[in-house]
Amino acid sequence: MALAFGILCRVRQYAAGTSVWHDEAFVALNAVQKTFAGLLGSLEWDEASPPGFLMVEKIVVLSLGRSEYALRLIPLLAGIAAMIWLAVLARRVCGTGMASLWAVALAAASPNLIAHANMVKHFTLDMLWAVSLVWLADRIWPLDRPVRMLLVWGALGAVGPWFSFASVFVFAGTSLTLGARAVRTWRWPARAAYLLANLEVLAALAFLLGPIRAQATGRLVDFWLRRGAFPDTQSLWALGHWLLHSGSGLAAYFWREPGPALLALILLGSVGWWRTGRRVELSLVLFPVLMALFASALHRWPFGGNQHMVLAAPAAVLLVAEGMDGLGIWLARWHRWARWTLVALFLLPGVINAAYRVAIPRQRHELRPVIMFVQRNLEPGDHVLVFDPVTFLFYAGRDLQDAPNAPDVLSRVWFISIRDGYKRSTFTGQDVLDGLEARRPRMLAIERYGAAAYLFGPEHPPRGPASPGGASGGDAPPRGPSG
């Protein structure tokens, strides 16, 4: 039931066909405009996406067109597959209690996991590869002659970086765990297969080193540095505070619950797995997170509560569920309803929100109808001020990023922008809008969720015929790069 609910939530959001927003437009435009060879180099707008994912997106666009449904098809399928595979993994590692059910319910109702399954980004592939590699490694561990399974694990790990950069940390974490088994008990055929699997992944990384370096721009690193995604090593106190803050943010990312409480449940779940002999499983889900933390210390990966840490979904989902189940059983000694109160406290808010979104899908910035309205009413000589130029380029096919910002006093002016915080009253470029409102009469307007376009007339009545000219435009000051 929980699995079916999770699939329903993802398919319903997909069916809504909401407008792409600028982070999606960065990916979509790179996939549409660049050649297959070009996708192996640097990307426009400081975008960072696995080349294989971009190539598959390009194939989908060439086959099905560039609609929102086509662009989001691969993330949706990967999100559904990750949900199913997580349910299989939960049944394998969560023991005989109710933890496996809680884990599936937590993943099914996660607002960010639902959103990622309907976003032109690669994050659901991160989760799919993470769950698959952990499941395979857990299957391999008890085998005495796991040669074939090791080769499959290595092949999956080698293909992974093409579709999920984060899969490198998951493979490294699972390899670290399996390495202990290889050294202690496996014979030479299994050891050779284990070594070959690791060499395959290293070879794949060596081949992709050029694209990875090309995408890791200085602006991208500076953006994550400003976001606090790298450890603060100024002092032990600062480092400890950063670790607590980042860990809490990572735990809260999947459910938007109080991070410290969820982090405490993860610790309880970890203790429960350790005490019940599931130490191999514990290392398989935690070591990938530690690998990402190590990369963050080198300023190579943003750690904490952000979309690039979806690789931690198996650890967060399974250990929170285990901690919730263990704490619930302990509380049941005091009162029989205490266990179910705890479960309701952590599960119901997310489930209710997910059910609400089945009825009313999530929206971000509905710029598509706004831009179409402008296209229908645009006249020669109109000046266009765009404060989300990349999304405008995706829908209108016109690049206004380098056009002049200052409109002529006699021209009509279009102001197209998105609201800060989606529902707030202020727009990106609010000062420009205020200036237009003060000097010019408003002639037309369209407002949609999180976006709007306003047409303003000339500052003064024209004294003579205006010379026709092509539409021009401008954009807001450069934004920080996206991850």
Protein backbone atom coordinates (compact mmCIF):
# COMPACT_ATOMS: atom_id res chain seq x y z
CA MET A 1 0.00 0.00 0.00
CA ALA A 2 2.77 2.45 0.93
CA LEU A 3 4.65 1.63 -2.28
CA ALA A 4 1.54 2.15 -4.41
CA PHE A 5 0.90 5.46 -2.65
CA GLY A 6 4.43 6.63 -3.42
CA ILE A 7 4.08 5.74 -7.10
CA LEU A 8 0.70 7.51 -7.23
CA CYS A 9 2.21 10.69 -5.75
CA ARG A 10 4.96 10.74 -8.35
CA VAL A 11 2.74 9.97 -11.33
CA ARG A 12 0.15 12.55 -10.26
CA GLN A 13 2.77 15.28 -10.01
CA TYR A 14 4.10 14.29 -13.42
CA ALA A 15 0.61 14.44 -14.93
CA ALA A 16 0.25 18.06 -13.74
CA GLY A 17 2.76 19.15 -16.40
CA THR A 18 3.87 22.24 -14.50
CA SER A 19 6.24 24.75 -16.08
CA VAL A 20 9.97 24.15 -15.94
CA TRP A 21 11.85 26.52 -13.66
CA HIS A 22 15.32 27.92 -14.20
CA ASP A 23 17.30 25.01 -12.72
CA GLU A 24 15.47 22.66 -15.07
CA ALA A 25 15.88 25.06 -17.98
CA PHE A 26 19.69 24.99 -17.52
CA VAL A 27 19.68 21.22 -18.01
CA ALA A 28 17.08 21.19 -20.77
CA LEU A 29 18.80 23.84 -22.88
CA ASN A 30 22.16 22.12 -22.60
CA ALA A 31 20.60 18.83 -23.68
CA VAL A 32 18.71 20.48 -26.55
CA GLN A 33 21.35 22.85 -27.89
CA LYS A 34 24.62 20.94 -27.49
CA THR A 35 25.80 18.06 -29.63
CA PHE A 36 26.46 14.67 -28.05
CA ALA A 37 30.19 15.43 -28.13
CA GLY A 38 29.53 18.88 -26.67
CA LEU A 39 27.89 17.29 -23.64
CA LEU A 40 31.30 15.86 -22.69
CA GLY A 41 32.70 19.36 -22.16
CA SER A 42 31.78 22.38 -20.09
CA LEU A 43 28.10 23.24 -19.87
CA GLU A 44 26.38 26.59 -20.17
CA TRP A 45 25.22 28.53 -17.09
CA ASP A 46 27.69 26.73 -14.78
CA GLU A 47 25.51 23.63 -14.91
CA ALA A 48 26.85 20.32 -13.59
CA SER A 49 25.10 17.16 -14.78
CA PRO A 50 26.34 13.66 -15.63
CA PRO A 51 26.99 13.37 -19.38
CA GLY A 52 25.11 10.10 -19.76
CA PHE A 53 21.98 11.61 -18.25
CA LEU A 54 22.22 14.59 -20.61
CA MET A 55 22.70 12.30 -23.60
CA VAL A 56 19.63 10.24 -22.69
CA GLU A 57 17.67 13.48 -22.26
CA LYS A 58 18.82 14.54 -25.73
CA ILE A 59 17.69 11.21 -27.20
CA VAL A 60 14.29 11.62 -25.52
CA VAL A 61 13.96 15.16 -26.91
CA LEU A 62 14.87 13.99 -30.41
CA SER A 63 12.32 11.17 -30.15
CA LEU A 64 9.44 12.74 -28.20
CA GLY A 65 9.96 16.48 -28.41
CA ARG A 66 10.88 19.04 -25.76
CA SER A 67 7.67 19.12 -23.73
CA GLU A 68 7.76 18.98 -19.94
CA TYR A 69 6.43 15.42 -20.11
CA ALA A 70 9.26 14.27 -22.37
CA LEU A 71 11.99 16.03 -20.40
CA ARG A 72 10.78 14.64 -17.06
CA LEU A 73 10.16 11.08 -18.25
CA ILE A 74 13.58 9.68 -17.28
CA PRO A 75 13.58 11.27 -13.77
CA LEU A 76 10.06 9.90 -13.21
CA LEU A 77 10.94 6.35 -14.26
CA ALA A 78 14.12 6.45 -12.17
CA GLY A 79 12.16 7.76 -9.17
CA ILE A 80 9.61 4.95 -9.40
CA ALA A 81 12.33 2.33 -9.87
CA ALA A 82 14.23 3.72 -6.87
CA MET A 83 11.07 3.48 -4.74
CA ILE A 84 10.51 -0.16 -5.73
CA TRP A 85 14.15 -1.09 -5.16
CA LEU A 86 14.16 0.66 -1.79
CA ALA A 87 11.17 -1.43 -0.72
CA VAL A 88 13.10 -4.58 -1.70
CA LEU A 89 16.17 -3.42 0.22
CA ALA A 90 14.07 -2.49 3.28
CA ARG A 91 12.54 -5.97 3.46
CA ARG A 92 16.03 -7.44 3.32
CA VAL A 93 17.78 -5.33 5.96
CA CYS A 94 15.10 -4.08 8.37
CA GLY A 95 14.51 -7.30 10.27
CA THR A 96 11.14 -8.62 11.41
CA GLY A 97 9.58 -5.48 12.86
CA MET A 98 7.56 -2.72 11.24
CA ALA A 99 10.62 -0.73 10.22
CA SER A 100 10.47 -1.85 6.56
CA LEU A 101 6.91 -0.50 6.28
CA TRP A 102 7.87 2.79 7.93
CA ALA A 103 10.86 3.11 5.57
CA VAL A 104 8.72 2.68 2.46
CA ALA A 105 6.09 5.09 3.82
CA LEU A 106 8.76 7.70 4.60
CA ALA A 107 10.21 7.48 1.09
CA ALA A 108 6.77 7.41 -0.52
CA ALA A 109 5.65 10.66 1.14
CA SER A 110 8.98 12.54 1.00
CA PRO A 111 8.19 15.90 -0.64
CA ASN A 112 11.69 16.32 -2.04
CA LEU A 113 11.88 12.79 -3.43
CA ILE A 114 8.49 13.33 -5.10
CA ALA A 115 9.70 16.67 -6.49
CA HIS A 116 12.96 15.16 -7.81
CA ALA A 117 10.97 12.51 -9.70
CA ASN A 118 9.32 15.37 -11.59
CA MET A 119 12.29 17.61 -12.25
CA VAL A 120 14.64 17.74 -15.25
CA LYS A 121 17.56 16.82 -13.02
CA HIS A 122 19.51 13.64 -12.29
CA PHE A 123 18.78 13.30 -8.57
CA THR A 124 16.44 10.29 -8.84
CA LEU A 125 19.25 8.52 -10.67
CA ASP A 126 21.47 9.25 -7.66
CA MET A 127 18.98 7.45 -5.44
CA LEU A 128 18.48 4.58 -7.90
CA TRP A 129 22.20 3.89 -8.14
CA ALA A 130 22.65 4.25 -4.37
CA VAL A 131 19.91 1.72 -3.55
CA SER A 132 21.03 -0.69 -6.28
CA LEU A 133 24.70 -0.70 -5.28
CA VAL A 134 23.89 -1.15 -1.59
CA TRP A 135 21.45 -3.98 -2.38
CA LEU A 136 24.00 -5.74 -4.58
CA ALA A 137 26.77 -5.39 -2.01
CA ASP A 138 24.49 -6.78 0.69
CA ARG A 139 23.71 -9.75 -1.54
CA ILE A 140 27.42 -10.29 -2.25
CA TRP A 141 28.66 -10.21 1.35
CA PRO A 142 27.46 -13.65 2.56
CA LEU A 143 28.49 -15.51 -0.62
CA ASP A 144 31.63 -17.64 -0.72
CA ARG A 145 32.07 -17.44 -4.50
CA PRO A 146 30.45 -14.19 -5.60
CA VAL A 147 32.41 -13.81 -8.85
CA ARG A 148 29.44 -13.08 -11.11
CA MET A 149 27.75 -10.80 -8.59
CA LEU A 150 30.99 -8.89 -8.11
CA LEU A 151 31.31 -8.36 -11.86
CA VAL A 152 27.71 -7.09 -12.02
CA TRP A 153 28.40 -4.79 -9.07
CA GLY A 154 31.53 -3.48 -10.81
CA ALA A 155 29.73 -2.96 -14.11
CA LEU A 156 26.96 -1.03 -12.37
CA GLY A 157 29.57 1.04 -10.55
CA ALA A 158 31.43 1.78 -13.79
CA VAL A 159 28.29 2.88 -15.63
CA GLY A 160 27.14 4.89 -12.62
CA PRO A 161 29.24 8.08 -13.03
CA TRP A 162 27.76 8.59 -16.49
CA PHE A 163 24.33 9.00 -14.92
CA SER A 164 25.08 9.85 -11.30
CA PHE A 165 28.27 11.49 -10.07
CA ALA A 166 27.18 10.60 -6.53
CA SER A 167 27.33 6.89 -7.37
CA VAL A 168 31.12 7.15 -7.01
CA PHE A 169 30.74 7.66 -3.25
CA VAL A 170 28.26 4.81 -2.97
CA PHE A 171 30.55 2.45 -4.84
CA ALA A 172 33.53 3.55 -2.76
CA GLY A 173 31.59 3.01 0.47
CA THR A 174 30.34 -0.44 -0.50
CA SER A 175 33.79 -1.36 -1.83
CA LEU A 176 35.33 -0.43 1.50
CA THR A 177 32.94 -2.79 3.25
CA LEU A 178 33.40 -5.67 0.79
CA GLY A 179 37.16 -5.18 0.91
CA ALA A 180 37.22 -6.58 4.44
CA ARG A 181 35.49 -9.75 3.22
CA ALA A 182 37.82 -10.01 0.23
CA VAL A 183 40.93 -9.84 2.39
CA ARG A 184 39.72 -12.19 5.12
CA THR A 185 37.77 -15.04 3.54
CA TRP A 186 37.41 -14.93 -0.25
CA ARG A 187 39.64 -17.06 -2.45
CA TRP A 188 41.58 -15.73 -5.43
CA PRO A 189 38.75 -15.88 -8.07
CA ALA A 190 36.51 -13.69 -5.90
CA ARG A 191 39.41 -11.44 -4.98
CA ALA A 192 40.31 -11.07 -8.65
CA ALA A 193 36.68 -10.21 -9.49
CA TYR A 194 36.62 -7.67 -6.65
CA LEU A 195 39.83 -6.07 -7.92
CA LEU A 196 38.55 -6.05 -11.51
CA ALA A 197 35.31 -4.35 -10.42
CA ASN A 198 37.26 -1.57 -8.74
CA LEU A 199 39.53 -1.17 -11.75
CA GLU A 200 36.48 -0.82 -14.00
CA VAL A 201 35.18 2.05 -11.90
CA LEU A 202 38.59 3.73 -11.84
CA ALA A 203 38.80 3.44 -15.63
CA ALA A 204 35.34 4.98 -16.02
CA LEU A 205 36.35 7.84 -13.74
CA ALA A 206 39.57 8.39 -15.67
CA PHE A 207 37.57 8.66 -18.90
CA LEU A 208 35.14 11.13 -17.32
CA LEU A 209 37.80 13.18 -15.59
CA GLY A 210 37.82 15.73 -18.41
CA PRO A 211 34.04 16.41 -18.35
CA ILE A 212 34.05 16.49 -14.54
CA ARG A 213 36.83 19.09 -14.46
CA ALA A 214 35.14 21.12 -17.20
CA GLN A 215 31.91 21.27 -15.20
CA ALA A 216 33.53 22.05 -11.84
CA THR A 217 33.79 25.79 -12.46
CA GLY A 218 35.07 28.24 -9.89
CA ARG A 219 31.65 29.92 -9.71
CA LEU A 220 30.05 26.60 -8.88
CA VAL A 221 32.49 25.92 -6.04
CA ASP A 222 32.08 29.49 -4.73
CA PHE A 223 28.31 29.09 -4.75
CA TRP A 224 28.45 26.02 -2.51
CA LEU A 225 31.08 27.64 -0.33
CA ARG A 226 28.68 30.52 0.34
CA ARG A 227 25.96 27.97 1.13
CA GLY A 228 28.09 26.40 3.86
CA ALA A 229 28.34 23.05 2.06
CA PHE A 230 32.00 22.55 3.02
CA PRO A 231 33.37 21.95 6.53
CA ASP A 232 34.28 24.95 8.65
CA THR A 233 37.79 24.17 9.90
CA GLN A 234 38.51 27.45 11.66
CA SER A 235 38.30 25.71 15.03
CA LEU A 236 37.14 22.47 16.59
CA TRP A 237 34.03 24.27 17.88
CA ALA A 238 33.22 25.58 14.39
CA LEU A 239 33.77 22.13 12.86
CA GLY A 240 31.55 20.47 15.48
CA HIS A 241 28.82 23.05 14.93
CA TRP A 242 29.07 22.56 11.15
CA LEU A 243 28.83 18.78 11.49
CA LEU A 244 25.76 19.02 13.74
CA HIS A 245 24.09 21.61 11.49
CA SER A 246 24.88 19.70 8.29
CA GLY A 247 23.84 16.36 9.75
CA SER A 248 20.55 17.78 10.99
CA GLY A 249 19.95 19.42 7.62
CA LEU A 250 20.67 16.19 5.81
CA ALA A 251 18.25 14.26 8.03
CA ALA A 252 15.55 16.91 7.60
CA TYR A 253 15.98 17.22 3.83
CA PHE A 254 13.78 14.25 3.02
CA TRP A 255 10.81 15.13 5.26
CA ARG A 256 11.18 18.73 6.46
CA GLU A 257 10.73 17.54 10.03
CA PRO A 258 12.90 18.89 12.89
CA GLY A 259 16.40 17.89 11.88
CA PRO A 260 17.81 17.18 15.36
CA ALA A 261 14.93 14.80 16.14
CA LEU A 262 15.46 12.91 12.89
CA LEU A 263 19.22 12.82 13.46
CA ALA A 264 18.55 11.31 16.89
CA LEU A 265 16.38 8.63 15.25
CA ILE A 266 19.19 7.86 12.79
CA LEU A 267 21.57 7.39 15.72
CA LEU A 268 19.04 5.15 17.48
CA GLY A 269 18.55 3.14 14.29
CA SER A 270 22.32 2.76 13.92
CA VAL A 271 22.61 1.47 17.48
CA GLY A 272 19.74 -0.94 16.81
CA TRP A 273 21.42 -2.36 13.72
CA TRP A 274 24.74 -2.67 15.54
CA ARG A 275 23.23 -4.46 18.54
CA THR A 276 21.25 -6.89 16.37
CA GLY A 277 24.24 -7.96 14.30
CA ARG A 278 23.50 -5.92 11.19
CA ARG A 279 26.89 -4.24 11.21
CA VAL A 280 27.63 -5.03 7.58
CA GLU A 281 24.35 -3.42 6.52
CA LEU A 282 25.13 -0.42 8.70
CA SER A 283 28.50 0.10 7.05
CA LEU A 284 27.00 -0.34 3.58
CA VAL A 285 24.55 2.54 4.07
CA LEU A 286 26.78 4.83 6.16
CA PHE A 287 30.16 4.56 4.41
CA PRO A 288 28.87 6.26 1.20
CA VAL A 289 27.78 9.23 3.32
CA LEU A 290 31.22 9.35 4.94
CA MET A 291 32.84 9.25 1.48
CA ALA A 292 30.78 12.28 0.47
CA LEU A 293 31.79 14.00 3.71
CA PHE A 294 35.45 13.36 2.92
CA ALA A 295 34.97 14.82 -0.58
CA SER A 296 33.30 17.85 1.00
CA ALA A 297 36.37 18.40 3.18
CA LEU A 298 38.35 18.62 -0.07
CA HIS A 299 35.80 21.10 -1.49
CA ARG A 300 34.75 18.57 -4.14
CA TRP A 301 31.16 17.85 -3.06
CA PRO A 302 28.42 19.86 -1.30
CA PHE A 303 27.49 18.09 1.95
CA GLY A 304 24.38 18.65 4.07
CA GLY A 305 20.70 19.19 3.44
CA ASN A 306 20.77 19.68 -0.32
CA GLN A 307 19.72 17.83 -3.44
CA HIS A 308 23.22 16.51 -4.11
CA MET A 309 23.02 14.36 -0.98
CA VAL A 310 20.13 12.20 -2.25
CA LEU A 311 22.78 9.46 -2.24
CA ALA A 312 22.14 9.35 1.53
CA ALA A 313 18.49 8.35 1.04
CA PRO A 314 19.05 4.64 1.88
CA ALA A 315 20.84 5.53 5.12
CA ALA A 316 18.38 8.24 6.14
CA VAL A 317 15.19 6.35 5.26
CA LEU A 318 16.19 2.96 6.65
CA LEU A 319 17.83 4.20 9.85
CA VAL A 320 15.09 6.71 10.69
CA ALA A 321 12.54 3.92 10.23
CA GLU A 322 14.59 1.57 12.42
CA GLY A 323 15.04 4.23 15.10
CA MET A 324 11.33 5.06 15.02
CA ASP A 325 10.38 1.39 15.34
CA GLY A 326 12.84 0.72 18.15
CA LEU A 327 11.83 3.81 20.12
CA GLY A 328 8.17 2.96 19.56
CA ILE A 329 8.61 -0.54 20.97
CA TRP A 330 10.37 0.90 24.02
CA LEU A 331 7.62 3.50 24.57
CA ALA A 332 4.98 0.78 24.31
CA ARG A 333 6.22 -0.55 27.66
CA TRP A 334 4.88 2.60 29.28
CA HIS A 335 1.64 2.88 27.33
CA ARG A 336 0.27 0.82 24.46
CA TRP A 337 -0.67 3.92 22.44
CA ALA A 338 2.69 5.60 22.85
CA ARG A 339 4.20 3.66 19.95
CA TRP A 340 1.47 4.65 17.51
CA THR A 341 1.57 8.24 18.72
CA LEU A 342 5.26 8.37 17.84
CA VAL A 343 4.63 6.84 14.41
CA ALA A 344 1.79 9.29 13.74
CA LEU A 345 3.97 12.20 14.85
CA PHE A 346 6.63 11.46 12.26
CA LEU A 347 4.59 9.88 9.45
CA LEU A 348 1.25 11.66 9.35
CA PRO A 349 2.43 15.20 8.45
CA GLY A 350 4.29 13.92 5.40
CA VAL A 351 1.53 11.53 4.35
CA ILE A 352 -1.15 14.20 4.70
CA ASN A 353 0.95 16.67 2.70
CA ALA A 354 1.60 14.07 -0.02
CA ALA A 355 -2.11 13.22 -0.20
CA TYR A 356 -2.93 16.93 -0.47
CA ARG A 357 -0.48 17.21 -3.35
CA VAL A 358 -2.25 14.36 -5.13
CA ALA A 359 -5.32 16.62 -5.20
CA ILE A 360 -3.40 19.88 -5.75
CA PRO A 361 0.03 19.24 -7.34
CA ARG A 362 3.03 21.27 -6.33
CA GLN A 363 3.89 24.34 -8.39
CA ARG A 364 7.00 26.47 -8.43
CA HIS A 365 7.01 29.22 -11.08
CA GLU A 366 4.35 28.98 -13.77
CA LEU A 367 6.25 30.98 -16.36
CA ARG A 368 5.06 29.06 -19.41
CA PRO A 369 1.57 30.68 -19.63
CA VAL A 370 3.11 34.04 -18.76
CA ILE A 371 5.65 33.83 -21.58
CA MET A 372 3.02 32.57 -24.05
CA PHE A 373 0.84 35.56 -23.15
CA VAL A 374 3.73 37.92 -23.85
CA GLN A 375 4.46 36.20 -27.16
CA ARG A 376 0.86 36.68 -28.29
CA ASN A 377 0.81 40.37 -27.38
CA LEU A 378 4.35 41.40 -28.28
CA GLU A 379 4.62 44.17 -30.86
CA PRO A 380 7.61 45.45 -32.88
CA GLY A 381 9.53 48.01 -30.85
CA ASP A 382 8.52 46.59 -27.47
CA HIS A 383 11.28 46.44 -24.88
CA VAL A 384 11.39 43.23 -22.82
CA LEU A 385 12.88 43.07 -19.34
CA VAL A 386 13.28 39.44 -18.27
CA PHE A 387 14.41 38.42 -14.81
CA ASP A 388 14.50 34.68 -15.52
CA PRO A 389 16.22 34.83 -18.93
CA VAL A 390 17.10 31.13 -19.19
CA THR A 391 13.50 29.96 -18.75
CA PHE A 392 12.43 32.68 -21.22
CA LEU A 393 14.99 31.34 -23.68
CA PHE A 394 13.66 27.81 -23.24
CA TYR A 395 10.03 28.75 -23.92
CA ALA A 396 10.38 31.72 -26.27
CA GLY A 397 13.55 30.71 -28.10
CA ARG A 398 15.02 34.21 -27.66
CA ASP A 399 18.19 34.97 -25.74
CA LEU A 400 17.84 38.36 -24.04
CA GLN A 401 20.72 38.04 -21.59
CA ASP A 402 23.00 40.48 -23.42
CA ALA A 403 20.32 42.95 -24.57
CA PRO A 404 20.26 46.52 -23.21
CA ASN A 405 18.51 47.11 -19.89
CA ALA A 406 17.46 50.75 -20.39
CA PRO A 407 14.22 51.06 -22.39
CA ASP A 408 13.40 54.07 -24.54
CA VAL A 409 11.00 56.51 -22.91
CA LEU A 410 8.64 56.19 -25.88
CA SER A 411 8.61 52.39 -26.12
CA ARG A 412 6.28 49.93 -24.47
CA VAL A 413 8.01 47.86 -21.78
CA TRP A 414 7.33 44.27 -20.73
CA PHE A 415 8.40 43.25 -17.22
CA ILE A 416 8.62 39.44 -16.82
CA SER A 417 9.76 38.00 -13.50
CA ILE A 418 9.32 35.38 -10.82
CA ARG A 419 8.29 35.97 -7.25
CA ASP A 420 10.90 35.59 -4.53
CA GLY A 421 9.81 32.64 -2.41
CA TYR A 422 7.10 31.72 -4.96
CA LYS A 423 4.17 33.11 -2.96
CA ARG A 424 5.61 36.38 -1.66
CA SER A 425 4.55 39.73 -3.02
CA THR A 426 8.04 40.79 -4.12
CA PHE A 427 9.60 39.93 -7.48
CA THR A 428 13.14 39.43 -8.62
CA GLY A 429 13.88 42.94 -9.89
CA GLN A 430 11.26 44.51 -7.63
CA ASP A 431 13.09 47.86 -7.74
CA VAL A 432 12.79 47.91 -11.52
CA LEU A 433 9.08 47.13 -11.29
CA ASP A 434 8.59 49.91 -8.75
CA GLY A 435 10.29 52.36 -11.09
CA LEU A 436 8.12 51.32 -14.01
CA GLU A 437 4.98 51.62 -11.88
CA ALA A 438 5.97 55.16 -10.89
CA ARG A 439 6.75 56.45 -14.41
CA ARG A 440 4.53 54.50 -16.79
CA PRO A 441 0.87 53.42 -17.06
CA ARG A 442 0.17 49.69 -16.83
CA MET A 443 -1.59 48.42 -19.97
CA LEU A 444 -1.73 44.60 -19.67
CA ALA A 445 -0.99 42.05 -16.98
CA ILE A 446 -0.95 38.31 -16.40
CA GLU A 447 -0.24 36.62 -13.09
CA ARG A 448 0.24 32.94 -12.47
CA TYR A 449 1.61 30.97 -9.56
CA GLY A 450 4.98 32.50 -8.71
CA ALA A 451 5.30 34.45 -11.97
CA ALA A 452 3.86 37.50 -13.72
CA ALA A 453 4.25 39.77 -16.74
CA TYR A 454 3.20 43.40 -16.93
CA LEU A 455 3.08 45.66 -19.98
CA PHE A 456 3.76 49.36 -19.41
CA GLY A 457 3.13 52.17 -21.86
CA PRO A 458 5.47 55.03 -22.82
CA GLU A 459 6.61 57.46 -20.15
CA HIS A 460 5.18 60.37 -22.13
CA PRO A 461 2.77 60.57 -25.04
CA PRO A 462 4.77 60.20 -28.27
CA ARG A 463 5.36 63.49 -30.12
CA GLY A 464 5.89 61.82 -33.44
CA PRO A 465 5.90 58.40 -35.08
CA ALA A 466 8.25 56.01 -33.36
CA SER A 467 10.72 54.21 -35.56
CA PRO A 468 10.10 50.46 -35.65
CA GLY A 469 12.73 48.17 -34.28
CA GLY A 470 13.25 44.67 -33.03
CA ALA A 471 12.33 43.69 -29.51
CA SER A 472 15.14 44.04 -27.01
CA GLY A 473 15.52 42.88 -23.50
CA GLY A 474 17.60 42.65 -20.42
CA ASP A 475 18.04 40.48 -17.39
CA ALA A 476 18.77 40.69 -13.72
CA PRO A 477 22.33 40.77 -12.37
CA PRO A 478 24.03 37.39 -12.76
CA ARG A 479 22.76 34.81 -10.29
CA GLY A 480 24.86 32.30 -8.45
CA PRO A 481 25.50 29.00 -10.27
CA SER A 482 23.17 26.08 -9.68
CA GLY A 483 24.24 22.64 -8.51
